[in-house]
Amino acid sequence: MLRRTYQPGRMRAVALVPGPPRAAHLDPDAPRAVLRWDGRCWKLVAVVADLAAAQDRMRPEHPGPEPW
Protein backbone atom coordinates (compact mmCIF):
# COMPACT_ATOMS: atom_id res chain seq x y z
CA MET A 1 0.00 0.00 0.00
CA LEU A 2 2.86 2.45 0.70
CA ARG A 3 4.09 2.12 -2.88
CA ARG A 4 0.91 3.81 -4.07
CA THR A 5 0.91 6.47 -1.36
CA TYR A 6 4.47 7.82 -1.53
CA GLN A 7 6.28 9.02 -4.63
CA PRO A 8 9.97 8.09 -4.94
CA GLY A 9 12.16 10.84 -3.58
CA ARG A 10 9.83 11.78 -0.72
CA MET A 11 11.75 12.43 2.51
CA ARG A 12 10.90 12.27 6.19
CA ALA A 13 12.68 12.74 9.51
CA VAL A 14 12.27 10.28 12.38
CA ALA A 15 13.25 11.20 15.95
CA LEU A 16 15.82 8.85 17.46
CA VAL A 17 14.26 8.59 20.91
CA PRO A 18 12.95 5.57 22.83
CA GLY A 19 9.25 4.84 22.72
CA PRO A 20 6.60 5.08 20.02
CA PRO A 21 6.82 7.68 17.23
CA ARG A 22 5.65 11.12 18.33
CA ALA A 23 4.91 14.44 16.70
CA ALA A 24 8.02 16.35 15.61
CA HIS A 25 7.33 19.39 17.79
CA LEU A 26 7.41 17.34 21.01
CA ASP A 27 11.15 16.57 20.78
CA PRO A 28 12.65 19.33 18.59
CA ASP A 29 16.15 18.91 20.09
CA ALA A 30 16.30 15.12 19.62
CA PRO A 31 18.60 13.72 16.91
CA ARG A 32 16.85 12.68 13.69
CA ALA A 33 17.29 10.08 10.98
CA VAL A 34 16.52 11.57 7.57
CA LEU A 35 14.98 8.94 5.29
CA ARG A 36 14.15 8.92 1.55
CA TRP A 37 11.50 6.70 -0.09
CA ASP A 38 12.96 4.90 -3.14
CA GLY A 39 9.70 3.34 -4.29
CA ARG A 40 10.13 0.14 -2.27
CA CYS A 41 11.51 1.08 1.14
CA TRP A 42 12.82 3.96 3.24
CA LYS A 43 16.60 4.46 2.85
CA LEU A 44 18.76 6.29 5.40
CA VAL A 45 20.14 9.55 3.99
CA ALA A 46 21.70 11.11 7.10
CA VAL A 47 21.59 11.38 10.87
CA VAL A 48 21.38 15.00 12.04
CA ALA A 49 21.43 16.80 15.40
CA ASP A 50 17.87 18.15 15.64
CA LEU A 51 14.59 18.99 13.87
CA ALA A 52 15.90 22.23 12.32
CA ALA A 53 18.90 20.43 10.79
CA ALA A 54 16.60 17.69 9.47
CA GLN A 55 14.32 20.27 7.83
CA ASP A 56 17.34 21.98 6.24
CA ARG A 57 18.56 18.63 4.94
CA MET A 58 15.16 17.69 3.50
CA ARG A 59 14.54 21.07 1.81
CA PRO A 60 17.92 22.67 1.05
CA GLU A 61 16.72 24.40 -2.13
CA HIS A 62 13.90 26.34 -0.43
CA PRO A 63 14.97 29.97 -0.23
CA GLY A 64 13.71 32.14 2.59
CA PRO A 65 11.20 34.91 2.10
CA GLU A 66 11.95 37.31 -0.70
CA PRO A 67 13.80 40.39 0.63
CA TRP A 68 11.96 43.69 0.27
PDB file of N, CA and C in Angstrom:
ATOM      1  N   MET A   1       0.810  -1.187   0.000  1.00  0.00           N
ATOM      2  CA  MET A   1       0.000   0.000   0.000  1.00  0.00           C
ATOM      3  C   MET A   1       0.861   1.262   0.000  1.00  0.00           C
ATOM      4  N   LEU A   2       2.017   1.260   0.669  1.00  0.00           N
ATOM      5  CA  LEU A   2       2.861   2.446   0.697  1.00  0.00           C
ATOM      6  C   LEU A   2       3.393   2.804  -0.680  1.00  0.00           C
ATOM      7  N   ARG A   3       3.571   1.837  -1.545  1.00  0.00           N
ATOM      8  CA  ARG A   3       4.088   2.121  -2.877  1.00  0.00           C
ATOM      9  C   ARG A   3       3.151   3.044  -3.639  1.00  0.00           C
ATOM     10  N   ARG A   4       1.867   2.944  -3.392  1.00  0.00           N
ATOM     11  CA  ARG A   4       0.910   3.808  -4.074  1.00  0.00           C
ATOM     12  C   ARG A   4       0.803   5.168  -3.401  1.00  0.00           C
ATOM     13  N   THR A   5       1.081   5.233  -2.119  1.00  0.00           N
ATOM     14  CA  THR A   5       0.912   6.465  -1.362  1.00  0.00           C
ATOM     15  C   THR A   5       2.072   7.427  -1.560  1.00  0.00           C
ATOM     16  N   TYR A   6       3.294   6.958  -1.481  1.00  0.00           N
ATOM     17  CA  TYR A   6       4.469   7.820  -1.530  1.00  0.00           C
ATOM     18  C   TYR A   6       5.132   7.781  -2.898  1.00  0.00           C
ATOM     19  N   GLN A   7       5.526   8.919  -3.393  1.00  0.00           N
ATOM     20  CA  GLN A   7       6.279   9.019  -4.633  1.00  0.00           C
ATOM     21  C   GLN A   7       7.763   8.845  -4.318  1.00  0.00           C
ATOM     22  N   PRO A   8       8.534   8.200  -5.178  1.00  0.00           N
ATOM     23  CA  PRO A   8       9.975   8.091  -4.941  1.00  0.00           C
ATOM     24  C   PRO A   8      10.586   9.476  -4.789  1.00  0.00           C
ATOM     25  N   GLY A   9      11.512   9.576  -3.846  1.00  0.00           N
ATOM     26  CA  GLY A   9      12.164  10.845  -3.576  1.00  0.00           C
ATOM     27  C   GLY A   9      11.590  11.564  -2.370  1.00  0.00           C
ATOM     28  N   ARG A  10      10.423  11.144  -1.899  1.00  0.00           N
ATOM     29  CA  ARG A  10       9.829  11.785  -0.721  1.00  0.00           C
ATOM     30  C   ARG A  10      10.733  11.539   0.478  1.00  0.00           C
ATOM     31  N   MET A  11      10.872  12.549   1.342  1.00  0.00           N
ATOM     32  CA  MET A  11      11.747  12.431   2.508  1.00  0.00           C
ATOM     33  C   MET A  11      10.952  12.639   3.786  1.00  0.00           C
ATOM     34  N   ARG A  12      11.473  12.056   4.879  1.00  0.00           N
ATOM     35  CA  ARG A  12      10.896  12.271   6.194  1.00  0.00           C
ATOM     36  C   ARG A  12      11.996  12.185   7.239  1.00  0.00           C
ATOM     37  N   ALA A  13      11.729  12.768   8.398  1.00  0.00           N
ATOM     38  CA  ALA A  13      12.676  12.737   9.507  1.00  0.00           C
ATOM     39  C   ALA A  13      12.031  12.003  10.672  1.00  0.00           C
ATOM     40  N   VAL A  14      12.770  11.086  11.264  1.00  0.00           N
ATOM     41  CA  VAL A  14      12.273  10.281  12.378  1.00  0.00           C
ATOM     42  C   VAL A  14      13.149  10.568  13.591  1.00  0.00           C
ATOM     43  N   ALA A  15      12.506  10.926  14.712  1.00  0.00           N
ATOM     44  CA  ALA A  15      13.252  11.197  15.948  1.00  0.00           C
ATOM     45  C   ALA A  15      13.882   9.914  16.469  1.00  0.00           C
ATOM     46  N   LEU A  16      15.112  10.010  16.911  1.00  0.00           N
ATOM     47  CA  LEU A  16      15.820   8.852  17.458  1.00  0.00           C
ATOM     48  C   LEU A  16      15.727   8.885  18.982  1.00  0.00           C
ATOM     49  N   VAL A  17      14.524   8.616  19.468  1.00  0.00           N
ATOM     50  CA  VAL A  17      14.257   8.587  20.908  1.00  0.00           C
ATOM     51  C   VAL A  17      13.537   7.284  21.225  1.00  0.00           C
ATOM     52  N   PRO A  18      13.663   6.802  22.472  1.00  0.00           N
ATOM     53  CA  PRO A  18      12.949   5.571  22.826  1.00  0.00           C
ATOM     54  C   PRO A  18      11.444   5.805  22.878  1.00  0.00           C
ATOM     55  N   GLY A  19      10.695   4.753  22.661  1.00  0.00           N
ATOM     56  CA  GLY A  19       9.245   4.836  22.721  1.00  0.00           C
ATOM     57  C   GLY A  19       8.621   4.909  21.345  1.00  0.00           C
ATOM     58  N   PRO A  20       7.307   5.040  21.304  1.00  0.00           N
ATOM     59  CA  PRO A  20       6.599   5.079  20.023  1.00  0.00           C
ATOM     60  C   PRO A  20       6.861   6.397  19.291  1.00  0.00           C
ATOM     61  N   PRO A  21       6.642   6.432  17.978  1.00  0.00           N
ATOM     62  CA  PRO A  21       6.816   7.682  17.229  1.00  0.00           C
ATOM     63  C   PRO A  21       5.886   8.764  17.776  1.00  0.00           C
ATOM     64  N   ARG A  22       6.416   9.984  17.819  1.00  0.00           N
ATOM     65  CA  ARG A  22       5.650  11.120  18.334  1.00  0.00           C
ATOM     66  C   ARG A  22       5.728  12.268  17.342  1.00  0.00           C
ATOM     67  N   ALA A  23       4.906  13.256  17.559  1.00  0.00           N
ATOM     68  CA  ALA A  23       4.911  14.439  16.700  1.00  0.00           C
ATOM     69  C   ALA A  23       6.264  15.138  16.786  1.00  0.00           C
ATOM     70  N   ALA A  24       6.696  15.746  15.690  1.00  0.00           N
ATOM     71  CA  ALA A  24       8.024  16.354  15.611  1.00  0.00           C
ATOM     72  C   ALA A  24       8.213  17.472  16.627  1.00  0.00           C
ATOM     73  N   HIS A  25       7.175  18.246  16.902  1.00  0.00           N
ATOM     74  CA  HIS A  25       7.327  19.395  17.789  1.00  0.00           C
ATOM     75  C   HIS A  25       7.506  19.002  19.257  1.00  0.00           C
ATOM     76  N   LEU A  26       7.278  17.753  19.618  1.00  0.00           N
ATOM     77  CA  LEU A  26       7.409  17.340  21.005  1.00  0.00           C
ATOM     78  C   LEU A  26       8.859  17.116  21.414  1.00  0.00           C
ATOM     79  N   ASP A  27       9.729  16.777  20.497  1.00  0.00           N
ATOM     80  CA  ASP A  27      11.153  16.566  20.781  1.00  0.00           C
ATOM     81  C   ASP A  27      12.003  17.293  19.734  1.00  0.00           C
ATOM     82  N   PRO A  28      11.936  18.628  19.659  1.00  0.00           N
ATOM     83  CA  PRO A  28      12.650  19.328  18.592  1.00  0.00           C
ATOM     84  C   PRO A  28      14.167  19.236  18.704  1.00  0.00           C
ATOM     85  N   ASP A  29      14.695  18.972  19.906  1.00  0.00           N
ATOM     86  CA  ASP A  29      16.146  18.907  20.089  1.00  0.00           C
ATOM     87  C   ASP A  29      16.704  17.495  19.974  1.00  0.00           C
ATOM     88  N   ALA A  30      15.855  16.519  19.739  1.00  0.00           N
ATOM     89  CA  ALA A  30      16.302  15.124  19.624  1.00  0.00           C
ATOM     90  C   ALA A  30      16.971  14.902  18.267  1.00  0.00           C
ATOM     91  N   PRO A  31      17.980  14.038  18.210  1.00  0.00           N
ATOM     92  CA  PRO A  31      18.596  13.718  16.914  1.00  0.00           C
ATOM     93  C   PRO A  31      17.583  13.044  15.992  1.00  0.00           C
ATOM     94  N   ARG A  32      17.785  13.200  14.690  1.00  0.00           N
ATOM     95  CA  ARG A  32      16.851  12.680  13.686  1.00  0.00           C
ATOM     96  C   ARG A  32      17.563  11.828  12.656  1.00  0.00           C
ATOM     97  N   ALA A  33      16.852  10.836  12.154  1.00  0.00           N
ATOM     98  CA  ALA A  33      17.290  10.078  10.983  1.00  0.00           C
ATOM     99  C   ALA A  33      16.492  10.627   9.808  1.00  0.00           C
ATOM    100  N   VAL A  34      17.184  11.077   8.770  1.00  0.00           N
ATOM    101  CA  VAL A  34      16.525  11.573   7.571  1.00  0.00           C
ATOM    102  C   VAL A  34      16.450  10.405   6.595  1.00  0.00           C
ATOM    103  N   LEU A  35      15.223  10.089   6.145  1.00  0.00           N
ATOM    104  CA  LEU A  35      14.980   8.939   5.285  1.00  0.00           C
ATOM    105  C   LEU A  35      14.395   9.384   3.947  1.00  0.00           C
ATOM    106  N   ARG A  36      14.712   8.638   2.878  1.00  0.00           N
ATOM    107  CA  ARG A  36      14.153   8.916   1.551  1.00  0.00           C
ATOM    108  C   ARG A  36      13.479   7.651   1.036  1.00  0.00           C
ATOM    109  N   TRP A  37      12.262   7.805   0.491  1.00  0.00           N
ATOM    110  CA  TRP A  37      11.503   6.696  -0.085  1.00  0.00           C
ATOM    111  C   TRP A  37      12.009   6.448  -1.496  1.00  0.00           C
ATOM    112  N   ASP A  38      12.423   5.211  -1.805  1.00  0.00           N
ATOM    113  CA  ASP A  38      12.957   4.902  -3.137  1.00  0.00           C
ATOM    114  C   ASP A  38      11.943   4.163  -4.017  1.00  0.00           C
ATOM    115  N   GLY A  39      10.719   4.048  -3.539  1.00  0.00           N
ATOM    116  CA  GLY A  39       9.697   3.340  -4.290  1.00  0.00           C
ATOM    117  C   GLY A  39       9.402   1.970  -3.716  1.00  0.00           C
ATOM    118  N   ARG A  40      10.332   1.436  -2.920  1.00  0.00           N
ATOM    119  CA  ARG A  40      10.129   0.137  -2.274  1.00  0.00           C
ATOM    120  C   ARG A  40      10.278   0.212  -0.775  1.00  0.00           C
ATOM    121  N   CYS A  41      11.254   0.986  -0.296  1.00  0.00           N
ATOM    122  CA  CYS A  41      11.508   1.081   1.141  1.00  0.00           C
ATOM    123  C   CYS A  41      12.152   2.419   1.475  1.00  0.00           C
ATOM    124  N   TRP A  42      12.182   2.744   2.771  1.00  0.00           N
ATOM    125  CA  TRP A  42      12.819   3.960   3.240  1.00  0.00           C
ATOM    126  C   TRP A  42      14.314   3.709   3.379  1.00  0.00           C
ATOM    127  N   LYS A  43      15.141   4.577   2.788  1.00  0.00           N
ATOM    128  CA  LYS A  43      16.603   4.459   2.855  1.00  0.00           C
ATOM    129  C   LYS A  43      17.157   5.591   3.708  1.00  0.00           C
ATOM    130  N   LEU A  44      18.123   5.288   4.555  1.00  0.00           N
ATOM    131  CA  LEU A  44      18.755   6.288   5.401  1.00  0.00           C
ATOM    132  C   LEU A  44      19.602   7.228   4.551  1.00  0.00           C
ATOM    133  N   VAL A  45      19.379   8.534   4.700  1.00  0.00           N
ATOM    134  CA  VAL A  45      20.144   9.548   3.990  1.00  0.00           C
ATOM    135  C   VAL A  45      21.195  10.142   4.914  1.00  0.00           C
ATOM    136  N   ALA A  46      20.777  10.486   6.147  1.00  0.00           N
ATOM    137  CA  ALA A  46      21.700  11.109   7.096  1.00  0.00           C
ATOM    138  C   ALA A  46      21.120  11.030   8.497  1.00  0.00           C
ATOM    139  N   VAL A  47      21.995  11.210   9.484  1.00  0.00           N
ATOM    140  CA  VAL A  47      21.591  11.378  10.868  1.00  0.00           C
ATOM    141  C   VAL A  47      22.030  12.785  11.243  1.00  0.00           C
ATOM    142  N   VAL A  48      21.097  13.599  11.740  1.00  0.00           N
ATOM    143  CA  VAL A  48      21.381  14.996  12.045  1.00  0.00           C
ATOM    144  C   VAL A  48      21.065  15.294  13.503  1.00  0.00           C
ATOM    145  N   ALA A  49      21.496  16.456  13.974  1.00  0.00           N
ATOM    146  CA  ALA A  49      21.432  16.800  15.397  1.00  0.00           C
ATOM    147  C   ALA A  49      20.038  17.104  15.923  1.00  0.00           C
ATOM    148  N   ASP A  50      19.180  17.746  15.129  1.00  0.00           N
ATOM    149  CA  ASP A  50      17.870  18.152  15.643  1.00  0.00           C
ATOM    150  C   ASP A  50      16.877  18.369  14.505  1.00  0.00           C
ATOM    151  N   LEU A  51      15.659  18.802  14.849  1.00  0.00           N
ATOM    152  CA  LEU A  51      14.594  18.992  13.873  1.00  0.00           C
ATOM    153  C   LEU A  51      14.958  20.054  12.834  1.00  0.00           C
ATOM    154  N   ALA A  52      15.542  21.163  13.261  1.00  0.00           N
ATOM    155  CA  ALA A  52      15.904  22.231  12.321  1.00  0.00           C
ATOM    156  C   ALA A  52      16.911  21.737  11.290  1.00  0.00           C
ATOM    157  N   ALA A  53      17.897  20.975  11.721  1.00  0.00           N
ATOM    158  CA  ALA A  53      18.898  20.434  10.788  1.00  0.00           C
ATOM    159  C   ALA A  53      18.252  19.432   9.837  1.00  0.00           C
ATOM    160  N   ALA A  54      17.295  18.656  10.327  1.00  0.00           N
ATOM    161  CA  ALA A  54      16.597  17.694   9.466  1.00  0.00           C
ATOM    162  C   ALA A  54      15.788  18.430   8.404  1.00  0.00           C
ATOM    163  N   GLN A  55      15.098  19.497   8.792  1.00  0.00           N
ATOM    164  CA  GLN A  55      14.318  20.269   7.826  1.00  0.00           C
ATOM    165  C   GLN A  55      15.220  20.908   6.781  1.00  0.00           C
ATOM    166  N   ASP A  56      16.385  21.415   7.198  1.00  0.00           N
ATOM    167  CA  ASP A  56      17.342  21.981   6.242  1.00  0.00           C
ATOM    168  C   ASP A  56      17.833  20.917   5.273  1.00  0.00           C
ATOM    169  N   ARG A  57      18.064  19.726   5.777  1.00  0.00           N
ATOM    170  CA  ARG A  57      18.556  18.626   4.940  1.00  0.00           C
ATOM    171  C   ARG A  57      17.497  18.155   3.941  1.00  0.00           C
ATOM    172  N   MET A  58      16.224  18.165   4.377  1.00  0.00           N
ATOM    173  CA  MET A  58      15.164  17.690   3.500  1.00  0.00           C
ATOM    174  C   MET A  58      14.770  18.723   2.451  1.00  0.00           C
ATOM    175  N   ARG A  59      14.937  20.009   2.743  1.00  0.00           N
ATOM    176  CA  ARG A  59      14.542  21.068   1.810  1.00  0.00           C
ATOM    177  C   ARG A  59      15.652  22.099   1.644  1.00  0.00           C
ATOM    178  N   PRO A  60      16.813  21.704   1.147  1.00  0.00           N
ATOM    179  CA  PRO A  60      17.920  22.670   1.052  1.00  0.00           C
ATOM    180  C   PRO A  60      17.707  23.730  -0.020  1.00  0.00           C
ATOM    181  N   GLU A  61      16.881  23.461  -1.030  1.00  0.00           N
ATOM    182  CA  GLU A  61      16.720  24.400  -2.132  1.00  0.00           C
ATOM    183  C   GLU A  61      15.651  25.454  -1.860  1.00  0.00           C
ATOM    184  N   HIS A  62      14.933  25.357  -0.732  1.00  0.00           N
ATOM    185  CA  HIS A  62      13.897  26.336  -0.433  1.00  0.00           C
ATOM    186  C   HIS A  62      14.534  27.621   0.059  1.00  0.00           C
ATOM    187  N   PRO A  63      14.435  28.691  -0.711  1.00  0.00           N
ATOM    188  CA  PRO A  63      14.965  29.972  -0.228  1.00  0.00           C
ATOM    189  C   PRO A  63      14.033  30.545   0.843  1.00  0.00           C
ATOM    190  N   GLY A  64      14.539  31.467   1.595  1.00  0.00           N
ATOM    191  CA  GLY A  64      13.713  32.144   2.591  1.00  0.00           C
ATOM    192  C   GLY A  64      12.769  33.103   1.912  1.00  0.00           C
ATOM    193  N   PRO A  65      12.097  33.934   2.696  1.00  0.00           N
ATOM    194  CA  PRO A  65      11.195  34.909   2.099  1.00  0.00           C
ATOM    195  C   PRO A  65      11.966  35.895   1.221  1.00  0.00           C
ATOM    196  N   GLU A  66      11.307  36.383   0.220  1.00  0.00           N
ATOM    197  CA  GLU A  66      11.946  37.308  -0.698  1.00  0.00           C
ATOM    198  C   GLU A  66      12.243  38.638   0.018  1.00  0.00           C
ATOM    199  N   PRO A  67      13.487  39.130  -0.072  1.00  0.00           N
ATOM    200  CA  PRO A  67      13.803  40.394   0.629  1.00  0.00           C
ATOM    201  C   PRO A  67      13.075  41.573  -0.026  1.00  0.00           C
ATOM    202  N   TRP A  68      12.677  42.520   0.780  1.00  0.00           N
ATOM    203  CA  TRP A  68      11.963  43.691   0.269  1.00  0.00           C
ATOM    204  C   TRP A  68      12.909  44.815   0.019  1.00  0.00           C
TER     205      TRP A  68
END
